[in-house]
Amino acid sequence: METLPPPSTADDLVDFIGKFVRDNHARTGRNTDGAYLAKAIHFQFPGFRLQNVGVSRLADAVSLAEQKGLVVRNRAVQHLEVRPADQMPSNDGQVRPRRLPRVRPEIWKAVVFVSHKGPLRVNRITGFLSSVPQENESEDGETAGSQGDWVKLEPIATDTQKKWMYSFVSGQPGLAIEDAPTDEERWWEAFSRWLRERSLEAEFAWRRYRTQRVVEYLQDWAQQHNVPLRYVFAGTRTSAAGGPTEGSETDEEATRKALLAAISEMPLEQLEQLAIPARYVLRHFTVR
């Protein structure tokens, strides 16, 4: 990527945004989302901060670019997304990449990070997560006293993740897997860094490719073990009106359910140590 001096004014930043969005659309035929744009600015201008040119948020800079007639924001989606101002929205039935579900951070860490200690367990009834020491397991791998509600989530094998790398690189012109740092100690970090040094687009494409593979792995695992997908993927989709979509479970509801499940498993001596406001306890007793 061509080295440019950091923007010294808001106009310089706006011009870069307009050019990047236009070039990205010409190359991919797709709109540019806020995360991609923010990383491009950071990649092109290391150490640059929006406040250096009097802008507090990326959305404000995009608004300036829109006012200047360089980009148009796509307000049909809730996240920040823009297209070149001279490019009309496509109505030709072109299929855009679908938005992938977001994996719960604890689950992503457990299945993707090969340095993570031990498998994670998911309660298929409540969605509660637990890392239980080996000595507390029965011979069949179930958590002691779980009555079959806890299922083990094994990490994705190193060989499998490296096969993803080989498959991804084979479809990227100008990249050769022989040059990739797949044998370094922290190869999962080195591989992303290696792609970033060649092009920001390649790193983003890899992250999406890997996420797709992880999502497929988790969907298959959840189906095999009768675990609801809402316990695997984070957050809830919202409707245009701003509320949760039908049939979804909010984070508050999931947390409450998990707490109740944990409390139900605790012995009385541990329950006596819980700090619960008295008004929540007294309302369950009838005054005589």
C-alpha atoms as a PDB file:
ATOM      1  CA  MET A   1       0.000   0.000   0.000  1.00  0.00           C
ATOM      2  CA  GLU A   2       1.281   3.465  -0.899  1.00  0.00           C
ATOM      3  CA  THR A   3       2.718   5.358   2.057  1.00  0.00           C
ATOM      4  CA  LEU A   4       0.958   8.679   2.650  1.00  0.00           C
ATOM      5  CA  PRO A   5       1.552  11.441   5.188  1.00  0.00           C
ATOM      6  CA  PRO A   6      -1.003  11.450   8.025  1.00  0.00           C
ATOM      7  CA  PRO A   7      -3.976  13.800   7.566  1.00  0.00           C
ATOM      8  CA  SER A   8      -3.288  17.267   8.926  1.00  0.00           C
ATOM      9  CA  THR A   9      -6.864  18.541   8.537  1.00  0.00           C
ATOM     10  CA  ALA A  10     -10.358  17.077   8.567  1.00  0.00           C
ATOM     11  CA  ASP A  11     -10.505  17.651   4.787  1.00  0.00           C
ATOM     12  CA  ASP A  12      -7.424  15.450   4.328  1.00  0.00           C
ATOM     13  CA  LEU A  13      -9.082  12.685   6.332  1.00  0.00           C
ATOM     14  CA  VAL A  14     -12.341  13.045   4.433  1.00  0.00           C
ATOM     15  CA  ASP A  15     -10.515  12.846   1.090  1.00  0.00           C
ATOM     16  CA  PHE A  16      -8.770   9.647   2.196  1.00  0.00           C
ATOM     17  CA  ILE A  17     -12.115   8.142   3.259  1.00  0.00           C
ATOM     18  CA  GLY A  18     -13.668   9.008  -0.097  1.00  0.00           C
ATOM     19  CA  LYS A  19     -10.782   7.494  -2.052  1.00  0.00           C
ATOM     20  CA  PHE A  20     -10.606   4.347   0.062  1.00  0.00           C
ATOM     21  CA  VAL A  21     -14.364   3.717  -0.182  1.00  0.00           C
ATOM     22  CA  ARG A  22     -14.273   4.268  -3.945  1.00  0.00           C
ATOM     23  CA  ASP A  23     -11.250   1.992  -4.467  1.00  0.00           C
ATOM     24  CA  ASN A  24     -12.709  -0.719  -2.237  1.00  0.00           C
ATOM     25  CA  HIS A  25     -15.987  -0.673  -4.148  1.00  0.00           C
ATOM     26  CA  ALA A  26     -14.197  -0.819  -7.500  1.00  0.00           C
ATOM     27  CA  ARG A  27     -12.146  -3.801  -6.304  1.00  0.00           C
ATOM     28  CA  THR A  28     -14.836  -5.807  -4.508  1.00  0.00           C
ATOM     29  CA  GLY A  29     -18.177  -4.392  -5.644  1.00  0.00           C
ATOM     30  CA  ARG A  30     -19.167  -4.050  -1.988  1.00  0.00           C
ATOM     31  CA  ASN A  31     -19.856  -1.279   0.456  1.00  0.00           C
ATOM     32  CA  THR A  32     -17.297  -0.439   3.150  1.00  0.00           C
ATOM     33  CA  ASP A  33     -18.256  -1.003   6.778  1.00  0.00           C
ATOM     34  CA  GLY A  34     -17.023   1.079   9.691  1.00  0.00           C
ATOM     35  CA  ALA A  35     -14.716  -1.575  11.170  1.00  0.00           C
ATOM     36  CA  TYR A  36     -12.920  -2.053   7.863  1.00  0.00           C
ATOM     37  CA  LEU A  37     -12.607   1.705   7.329  1.00  0.00           C
ATOM     38  CA  ALA A  38     -11.268   2.279  10.857  1.00  0.00           C
ATOM     39  CA  LYS A  39      -8.640  -0.407  10.437  1.00  0.00           C
ATOM     40  CA  ALA A  40      -7.621   0.994   7.042  1.00  0.00           C
ATOM     41  CA  ILE A  41      -7.033   4.421   8.603  1.00  0.00           C
ATOM     42  CA  HIS A  42      -5.007   2.875  11.436  1.00  0.00           C
ATOM     43  CA  PHE A  43      -3.030   0.739   8.975  1.00  0.00           C
ATOM     44  CA  GLN A  44      -2.289   3.601   6.589  1.00  0.00           C
ATOM     45  CA  PHE A  45      -1.509   6.155   9.320  1.00  0.00           C
ATOM     46  CA  PRO A  46      -0.019   4.398  12.387  1.00  0.00           C
ATOM     47  CA  GLY A  47      -0.461   6.466  15.528  1.00  0.00           C
ATOM     48  CA  PHE A  48      -3.007   8.781  13.936  1.00  0.00           C
ATOM     49  CA  ARG A  49      -6.009   9.778  16.041  1.00  0.00           C
ATOM     50  CA  LEU A  50      -9.215  11.364  14.805  1.00  0.00           C
ATOM     51  CA  GLN A  51      -8.869  14.016  17.484  1.00  0.00           C
ATOM     52  CA  ASN A  52      -5.711  15.228  15.710  1.00  0.00           C
ATOM     53  CA  VAL A  53      -7.925  16.827  13.067  1.00  0.00           C
ATOM     54  CA  GLY A  54     -10.778  17.851  15.366  1.00  0.00           C
ATOM     55  CA  VAL A  55     -13.034  14.814  14.813  1.00  0.00           C
ATOM     56  CA  SER A  56     -14.302  12.836  17.792  1.00  0.00           C
ATOM     57  CA  ARG A  57     -15.849   9.793  16.043  1.00  0.00           C
ATOM     58  CA  LEU A  58     -15.453   7.974  12.748  1.00  0.00           C
ATOM     59  CA  ALA A  59     -19.167   8.466  12.120  1.00  0.00           C
ATOM     60  CA  ASP A  60     -18.595  12.243  12.260  1.00  0.00           C
ATOM     61  CA  ALA A  61     -15.834  11.991   9.657  1.00  0.00           C
ATOM     62  CA  VAL A  62     -18.133   9.919   7.443  1.00  0.00           C
ATOM     63  CA  SER A  63     -20.829  12.582   7.801  1.00  0.00           C
ATOM     64  CA  LEU A  64     -18.331  15.195   6.616  1.00  0.00           C
ATOM     65  CA  ALA A  65     -17.459  12.988   3.645  1.00  0.00           C
ATOM     66  CA  GLU A  66     -21.156  12.614   2.885  1.00  0.00           C
ATOM     67  CA  GLN A  67     -21.677  16.387   3.065  1.00  0.00           C
ATOM     68  CA  LYS A  68     -18.772  16.815   0.652  1.00  0.00           C
ATOM     69  CA  GLY A  69     -20.459  14.439  -1.789  1.00  0.00           C
ATOM     70  CA  LEU A  70     -17.806  11.705  -1.624  1.00  0.00           C
ATOM     71  CA  VAL A  71     -19.764   8.894   0.017  1.00  0.00           C
ATOM     72  CA  VAL A  72     -23.323   7.919   0.878  1.00  0.00           C
ATOM     73  CA  ARG A  73     -24.165   6.120   4.088  1.00  0.00           C
ATOM     74  CA  ASN A  74     -26.344   3.023   3.877  1.00  0.00           C
ATOM     75  CA  ARG A  75     -29.047   3.751   6.442  1.00  0.00           C
ATOM     76  CA  ALA A  76     -30.866   0.502   5.745  1.00  0.00           C
ATOM     77  CA  VAL A  77     -28.480  -1.196   8.167  1.00  0.00           C
ATOM     78  CA  GLN A  78     -27.780  -0.377  11.808  1.00  0.00           C
ATOM     79  CA  HIS A  79     -23.979  -0.473  11.606  1.00  0.00           C
ATOM     80  CA  LEU A  80     -21.821   2.123   9.861  1.00  0.00           C
ATOM     81  CA  GLU A  81     -21.622   1.324   6.145  1.00  0.00           C
ATOM     82  CA  VAL A  82     -20.909   3.581   3.154  1.00  0.00           C
ATOM     83  CA  ARG A  83     -20.636   3.435  -0.635  1.00  0.00           C
ATOM     84  CA  PRO A  84     -19.215   5.855  -3.205  1.00  0.00           C
ATOM     85  CA  ALA A  85     -21.564   8.759  -3.867  1.00  0.00           C
ATOM     86  CA  ASP A  86     -21.604   8.074  -7.617  1.00  0.00           C
ATOM     87  CA  GLN A  87     -22.490   4.402  -7.126  1.00  0.00           C
ATOM     88  CA  MET A  88     -26.201   3.690  -6.937  1.00  0.00           C
ATOM     89  CA  PRO A  89     -27.449   0.868  -4.695  1.00  0.00           C
ATOM     90  CA  SER A  90     -27.544  -2.395  -6.582  1.00  0.00           C
ATOM     91  CA  ASN A  91     -30.993  -3.746  -7.426  1.00  0.00           C
ATOM     92  CA  ASP A  92     -29.792  -6.473  -9.766  1.00  0.00           C
ATOM     93  CA  GLY A  93     -30.149  -9.252  -7.204  1.00  0.00           C
ATOM     94  CA  GLN A  94     -26.436  -9.359  -6.433  1.00  0.00           C
ATOM     95  CA  VAL A  95     -25.858 -11.566  -3.407  1.00  0.00           C
ATOM     96  CA  ARG A  96     -23.888  -9.847  -0.648  1.00  0.00           C
ATOM     97  CA  PRO A  97     -22.002 -11.812   1.991  1.00  0.00           C
ATOM     98  CA  ARG A  98     -24.369 -12.592   4.822  1.00  0.00           C
ATOM     99  CA  ARG A  99     -23.588 -11.239   8.262  1.00  0.00           C
ATOM    100  CA  LEU A 100     -22.165 -14.036  10.351  1.00  0.00           C
ATOM    101  CA  PRO A 101     -23.409 -14.632  13.897  1.00  0.00           C
ATOM    102  CA  ARG A 102     -21.041 -13.426  16.627  1.00  0.00           C
ATOM    103  CA  VAL A 103     -19.584 -16.241  18.680  1.00  0.00           C
ATOM    104  CA  ARG A 104     -19.663 -15.741  22.449  1.00  0.00           C
ATOM    105  CA  PRO A 105     -16.158 -14.542  23.442  1.00  0.00           C
ATOM    106  CA  GLU A 106     -15.633 -17.317  26.011  1.00  0.00           C
ATOM    107  CA  ILE A 107     -16.584 -19.959  23.460  1.00  0.00           C
ATOM    108  CA  TRP A 108     -14.411 -18.432  20.721  1.00  0.00           C
ATOM    109  CA  LYS A 109     -11.439 -18.439  23.095  1.00  0.00           C
ATOM    110  CA  ALA A 110     -12.073 -22.055  24.085  1.00  0.00           C
ATOM    111  CA  VAL A 111     -12.352 -23.473  20.566  1.00  0.00           C
ATOM    112  CA  VAL A 112      -9.939 -21.283  18.569  1.00  0.00           C
ATOM    113  CA  PHE A 113      -7.067 -20.395  20.920  1.00  0.00           C
ATOM    114  CA  VAL A 114      -4.874 -23.474  21.058  1.00  0.00           C
ATOM    115  CA  SER A 115      -3.200 -22.165  24.226  1.00  0.00           C
ATOM    116  CA  HIS A 116      -6.506 -22.206  26.125  1.00  0.00           C
ATOM    117  CA  LYS A 117      -6.333 -24.475  29.169  1.00  0.00           C
ATOM    118  CA  GLY A 118      -8.768 -27.383  29.024  1.00  0.00           C
ATOM    119  CA  PRO A 119     -12.145 -27.803  27.331  1.00  0.00           C
ATOM    120  CA  LEU A 120     -15.176 -25.687  28.125  1.00  0.00           C
ATOM    121  CA  ARG A 121     -18.496 -27.154  29.224  1.00  0.00           C
ATOM    122  CA  VAL A 122     -21.884 -25.803  28.272  1.00  0.00           C
ATOM    123  CA  ASN A 123     -25.104 -26.533  30.119  1.00  0.00           C
ATOM    124  CA  ARG A 124     -27.616 -27.353  27.387  1.00  0.00           C
ATOM    125  CA  ILE A 125     -30.534 -26.334  29.622  1.00  0.00           C
ATOM    126  CA  THR A 126     -29.327 -22.960  30.910  1.00  0.00           C
ATOM    127  CA  GLY A 127     -26.419 -21.986  28.656  1.00  0.00           C
ATOM    128  CA  PHE A 128     -24.151 -21.680  31.708  1.00  0.00           C
ATOM    129  CA  LEU A 129     -20.434 -22.089  30.914  1.00  0.00           C
ATOM    130  CA  SER A 130     -17.936 -23.843  33.141  1.00  0.00           C
ATOM    131  CA  SER A 131     -14.320 -24.993  33.106  1.00  0.00           C
ATOM    132  CA  VAL A 132     -14.285 -27.921  35.512  1.00  0.00           C
ATOM    133  CA  PRO A 133     -11.028 -29.515  36.730  1.00  0.00           C
ATOM    134  CA  GLN A 134     -10.367 -33.009  35.445  1.00  0.00           C
ATOM    135  CA  GLU A 135     -10.727 -34.618  38.867  1.00  0.00           C
ATOM    136  CA  ASN A 136     -14.368 -33.489  39.044  1.00  0.00           C
ATOM    137  CA  GLU A 137     -15.331 -35.442  35.947  1.00  0.00           C
ATOM    138  CA  SER A 138     -16.858 -38.877  35.723  1.00  0.00           C
ATOM    139  CA  GLU A 139     -15.402 -41.525  33.455  1.00  0.00           C
ATOM    140  CA  ASP A 140     -17.689 -40.614  30.562  1.00  0.00           C
ATOM    141  CA  GLY A 141     -16.513 -36.983  30.655  1.00  0.00           C
ATOM    142  CA  GLU A 142     -19.672 -35.548  32.187  1.00  0.00           C
ATOM    143  CA  THR A 143     -19.391 -33.125  35.087  1.00  0.00           C
ATOM    144  CA  ALA A 144     -20.074 -34.801  38.393  1.00  0.00           C
ATOM    145  CA  GLY A 145     -23.682 -34.267  39.438  1.00  0.00           C
ATOM    146  CA  SER A 146     -24.670 -32.790  36.059  1.00  0.00           C
ATOM    147  CA  GLN A 147     -27.248 -35.471  35.227  1.00  0.00           C
ATOM    148  CA  GLY A 148     -26.269 -35.190  31.581  1.00  0.00           C
ATOM    149  CA  ASP A 149     -27.035 -31.456  31.208  1.00  0.00           C
ATOM    150  CA  TRP A 150     -23.372 -30.480  30.737  1.00  0.00           C
ATOM    151  CA  VAL A 151     -21.639 -31.193  27.435  1.00  0.00           C
ATOM    152  CA  LYS A 152     -17.975 -30.768  26.602  1.00  0.00           C
ATOM    153  CA  LEU A 153     -16.876 -28.346  23.874  1.00  0.00           C
ATOM    154  CA  GLU A 154     -13.535 -29.510  22.535  1.00  0.00           C
ATOM    155  CA  PRO A 155     -11.099 -27.018  20.950  1.00  0.00           C
ATOM    156  CA  ILE A 156     -10.684 -27.098  17.182  1.00  0.00           C
ATOM    157  CA  ALA A 157      -7.601 -29.165  16.391  1.00  0.00           C
ATOM    158  CA  THR A 158      -4.414 -27.383  15.332  1.00  0.00           C
ATOM    159  CA  ASP A 159      -4.244 -29.478  12.144  1.00  0.00           C
ATOM    160  CA  THR A 160      -7.785 -28.422  11.231  1.00  0.00           C
ATOM    161  CA  GLN A 161      -7.036 -24.736  11.706  1.00  0.00           C
ATOM    162  CA  LYS A 162      -3.851 -25.008   9.638  1.00  0.00           C
ATOM    163  CA  LYS A 163      -5.799 -26.729   6.863  1.00  0.00           C
ATOM    164  CA  TRP A 164      -8.048 -23.655   6.842  1.00  0.00           C
ATOM    165  CA  MET A 165      -4.932 -21.529   6.307  1.00  0.00           C
ATOM    166  CA  TYR A 166      -3.759 -23.667   3.396  1.00  0.00           C
ATOM    167  CA  SER A 167      -7.199 -23.602   1.797  1.00  0.00           C
ATOM    168  CA  PHE A 168      -7.497 -19.822   2.217  1.00  0.00           C
ATOM    169  CA  VAL A 169      -4.053 -19.029   0.799  1.00  0.00           C
ATOM    170  CA  SER A 170      -4.620 -21.314  -2.199  1.00  0.00           C
ATOM    171  CA  GLY A 171      -7.450 -19.021  -3.282  1.00  0.00           C
ATOM    172  CA  GLN A 172      -5.478 -15.784  -2.857  1.00  0.00           C
ATOM    173  CA  PRO A 173      -3.499 -14.604  -5.893  1.00  0.00           C
ATOM    174  CA  GLY A 174       0.058 -13.578  -5.116  1.00  0.00           C
ATOM    175  CA  LEU A 175       0.257 -15.566  -1.851  1.00  0.00           C
ATOM    176  CA  ALA A 176       2.089 -18.852  -1.319  1.00  0.00           C
ATOM    177  CA  ILE A 177       1.576 -21.070   1.698  1.00  0.00           C
ATOM    178  CA  GLU A 178       5.312 -21.884   1.683  1.00  0.00           C
ATOM    179  CA  ASP A 179       5.972 -18.278   2.713  1.00  0.00           C
ATOM    180  CA  ALA A 180       3.399 -18.303   5.531  1.00  0.00           C
ATOM    181  CA  PRO A 181       4.678 -18.589   9.139  1.00  0.00           C
ATOM    182  CA  THR A 182       2.641 -21.708   9.931  1.00  0.00           C
ATOM    183  CA  ASP A 183       5.394 -23.299  12.047  1.00  0.00           C
ATOM    184  CA  GLU A 184       6.022 -20.418  14.439  1.00  0.00           C
ATOM    185  CA  GLU A 185       5.215 -20.909  18.116  1.00  0.00           C
ATOM    186  CA  ARG A 186       2.189 -18.571  17.999  1.00  0.00           C
ATOM    187  CA  TRP A 187       1.337 -19.366  14.390  1.00  0.00           C
ATOM    188  CA  TRP A 188      -2.265 -18.120  14.619  1.00  0.00           C
ATOM    189  CA  GLU A 189      -1.025 -14.601  15.397  1.00  0.00           C
ATOM    190  CA  ALA A 190       1.922 -14.732  13.005  1.00  0.00           C
ATOM    191  CA  PHE A 191      -0.327 -15.786  10.117  1.00  0.00           C
ATOM    192  CA  SER A 192      -2.646 -12.779  10.533  1.00  0.00           C
ATOM    193  CA  ARG A 193       0.356 -10.470  10.843  1.00  0.00           C
ATOM    194  CA  TRP A 194       1.882 -11.978   7.690  1.00  0.00           C
ATOM    195  CA  LEU A 195      -1.324 -11.330   5.748  1.00  0.00           C
ATOM    196  CA  ARG A 196      -1.594  -7.781   7.114  1.00  0.00           C
ATOM    197  CA  GLU A 197       1.911  -6.976   5.889  1.00  0.00           C
ATOM    198  CA  ARG A 198       0.860  -7.938   2.367  1.00  0.00           C
ATOM    199  CA  SER A 199      -2.579  -6.337   2.289  1.00  0.00           C
ATOM    200  CA  LEU A 200      -5.233  -5.260   4.716  1.00  0.00           C
ATOM    201  CA  GLU A 201      -7.852  -6.817   2.439  1.00  0.00           C
ATOM    202  CA  ALA A 202      -6.219 -10.247   2.709  1.00  0.00           C
ATOM    203  CA  GLU A 203      -6.253 -10.128   6.510  1.00  0.00           C
ATOM    204  CA  PHE A 204      -9.932  -9.138   6.611  1.00  0.00           C
ATOM    205  CA  ALA A 205     -10.792 -11.868   4.108  1.00  0.00           C
ATOM    206  CA  TRP A 206      -8.971 -14.417   6.293  1.00  0.00           C
ATOM    207  CA  ARG A 207     -10.766 -13.306   9.440  1.00  0.00           C
ATOM    208  CA  ARG A 208     -14.125 -13.713   7.730  1.00  0.00           C
ATOM    209  CA  TYR A 209     -13.085 -17.078   6.239  1.00  0.00           C
ATOM    210  CA  ARG A 210     -11.964 -18.384   9.630  1.00  0.00           C
ATOM    211  CA  THR A 211     -15.107 -17.079  11.350  1.00  0.00           C
ATOM    212  CA  GLN A 212     -17.242 -18.895   8.784  1.00  0.00           C
ATOM    213  CA  ARG A 213     -15.415 -22.157   9.519  1.00  0.00           C
ATOM    214  CA  VAL A 214     -15.748 -21.672  13.297  1.00  0.00           C
ATOM    215  CA  VAL A 215     -19.471 -20.898  12.983  1.00  0.00           C
ATOM    216  CA  GLU A 216     -19.987 -24.082  10.952  1.00  0.00           C
ATOM    217  CA  TYR A 217     -18.055 -26.111  13.538  1.00  0.00           C
ATOM    218  CA  LEU A 218     -20.171 -24.734  16.388  1.00  0.00           C
ATOM    219  CA  GLN A 219     -23.446 -25.191  14.529  1.00  0.00           C
ATOM    220  CA  ASP A 220     -22.617 -28.862  13.915  1.00  0.00           C
ATOM    221  CA  TRP A 221     -21.552 -29.333  17.542  1.00  0.00           C
ATOM    222  CA  ALA A 222     -24.707 -27.683  18.880  1.00  0.00           C
ATOM    223  CA  GLN A 223     -26.908 -29.841  16.670  1.00  0.00           C
ATOM    224  CA  GLN A 224     -25.153 -33.056  17.717  1.00  0.00           C
ATOM    225  CA  HIS A 225     -25.482 -32.245  21.438  1.00  0.00           C
ATOM    226  CA  ASN A 226     -28.918 -30.578  21.421  1.00  0.00           C
ATOM    227  CA  VAL A 227     -27.526 -27.228  22.583  1.00  0.00           C
ATOM    228  CA  PRO A 228     -29.636 -24.178  21.590  1.00  0.00           C
ATOM    229  CA  LEU A 229     -27.717 -21.864  19.267  1.00  0.00           C
ATOM    230  CA  ARG A 230     -28.536 -18.865  21.474  1.00  0.00           C
ATOM    231  CA  TYR A 231     -26.137 -20.348  24.039  1.00  0.00           C
ATOM    232  CA  VAL A 232     -23.331 -20.425  21.460  1.00  0.00           C
ATOM    233  CA  PHE A 233     -23.713 -17.088  19.685  1.00  0.00           C
ATOM    234  CA  ALA A 234     -23.638 -13.743  21.486  1.00  0.00           C
ATOM    235  CA  GLY A 235     -26.224 -10.977  21.593  1.00  0.00           C
ATOM    236  CA  THR A 236     -29.624 -10.756  19.953  1.00  0.00           C
ATOM    237  CA  ARG A 237     -30.689  -9.475  16.594  1.00  0.00           C
ATOM    238  CA  THR A 238     -32.857  -6.379  16.819  1.00  0.00           C
ATOM    239  CA  SER A 239     -35.806  -5.460  14.679  1.00  0.00           C
ATOM    240  CA  ALA A 240     -36.129  -2.189  12.791  1.00  0.00           C
ATOM    241  CA  ALA A 241     -38.121  -0.855  15.752  1.00  0.00           C
ATOM    242  CA  GLY A 242     -35.147  -1.511  18.006  1.00  0.00           C
ATOM    243  CA  GLY A 243     -36.504  -4.450  20.025  1.00  0.00           C
ATOM    244  CA  PRO A 244     -35.330  -8.039  20.142  1.00  0.00           C
ATOM    245  CA  THR A 245     -36.435 -10.243  17.273  1.00  0.00           C
ATOM    246  CA  GLU A 246     -39.156 -12.776  17.969  1.00  0.00           C
ATOM    247  CA  GLY A 247     -37.991 -15.846  19.814  1.00  0.00           C
ATOM    248  CA  SER A 248     -34.672 -14.322  20.899  1.00  0.00           C
ATOM    249  CA  GLU A 249     -33.376 -14.203  24.457  1.00  0.00           C
ATOM    250  CA  THR A 250     -31.839 -11.046  25.871  1.00  0.00           C
ATOM    251  CA  ASP A 251     -28.486 -11.064  27.671  1.00  0.00           C
ATOM    252  CA  GLU A 252     -30.311 -10.129  30.886  1.00  0.00           C
ATOM    253  CA  GLU A 253     -32.652 -13.116  30.602  1.00  0.00           C
ATOM    254  CA  ALA A 254     -29.790 -15.478  29.823  1.00  0.00           C
ATOM    255  CA  THR A 255     -27.753 -14.174  32.765  1.00  0.00           C
ATOM    256  CA  ARG A 256     -30.696 -14.528  35.157  1.00  0.00           C
ATOM    257  CA  LYS A 257     -31.331 -18.087  33.988  1.00  0.00           C
ATOM    258  CA  ALA A 258     -27.665 -18.997  34.390  1.00  0.00           C
ATOM    259  CA  LEU A 259     -27.553 -17.521  37.912  1.00  0.00           C
ATOM    260  CA  LEU A 260     -30.656 -19.423  38.967  1.00  0.00           C
ATOM    261  CA  ALA A 261     -29.165 -22.636  37.617  1.00  0.00           C
ATOM    262  CA  ALA A 262     -25.930 -22.043  39.526  1.00  0.00           C
ATOM    263  CA  ILE A 263     -27.786 -21.244  42.764  1.00  0.00           C
ATOM    264  CA  SER A 264     -29.864 -24.413  42.443  1.00  0.00           C
ATOM    265  CA  GLU A 265     -26.648 -26.469  42.481  1.00  0.00           C
ATOM    266  CA  MET A 266     -25.076 -24.757  45.510  1.00  0.00           C
ATOM    267  CA  PRO A 267     -25.202 -26.361  48.978  1.00  0.00           C
ATOM    268  CA  LEU A 268     -26.883 -24.467  51.840  1.00  0.00           C
ATOM    269  CA  GLU A 269     -23.601 -23.418  53.462  1.00  0.00           C
ATOM    270  CA  GLN A 270     -22.576 -21.611  50.274  1.00  0.00           C
ATOM    271  CA  LEU A 271     -26.009 -20.046  49.860  1.00  0.00           C
ATOM    272  CA  GLU A 272     -25.599 -18.494  53.309  1.00  0.00           C
ATOM    273  CA  GLN A 273     -22.617 -16.533  51.961  1.00  0.00           C
ATOM    274  CA  LEU A 274     -24.532 -14.906  49.099  1.00  0.00           C
ATOM    275  CA  ALA A 275     -25.235 -11.173  49.410  1.00  0.00           C
ATOM    276  CA  ILE A 276     -28.832 -10.590  48.286  1.00  0.00           C
ATOM    277  CA  PRO A 277     -30.798  -7.400  49.138  1.00  0.00           C
ATOM    278  CA  ALA A 278     -33.330  -8.253  51.859  1.00  0.00           C
ATOM    279  CA  ARG A 279     -36.304  -6.835  49.928  1.00  0.00           C
ATOM    280  CA  TYR A 280     -35.920  -9.574  47.299  1.00  0.00           C
ATOM    281  CA  VAL A 281     -36.057 -12.252  50.013  1.00  0.00           C
ATOM    282  CA  LEU A 282     -38.835 -10.759  52.178  1.00  0.00           C
ATOM    283  CA  ARG A 283     -41.273 -10.446  49.274  1.00  0.00           C
ATOM    284  CA  HIS A 284     -41.414 -14.255  49.148  1.00  0.00           C
ATOM    285  CA  PHE A 285     -42.653 -14.552  52.735  1.00  0.00           C
ATOM    286  CA  THR A 286     -46.226 -13.899  53.826  1.00  0.00           C
ATOM    287  CA  VAL A 287     -46.622 -11.676  56.894  1.00  0.00           C
ATOM    288  CA  ARG A 288     -48.538 -13.611  59.606  1.00  0.00           C
END
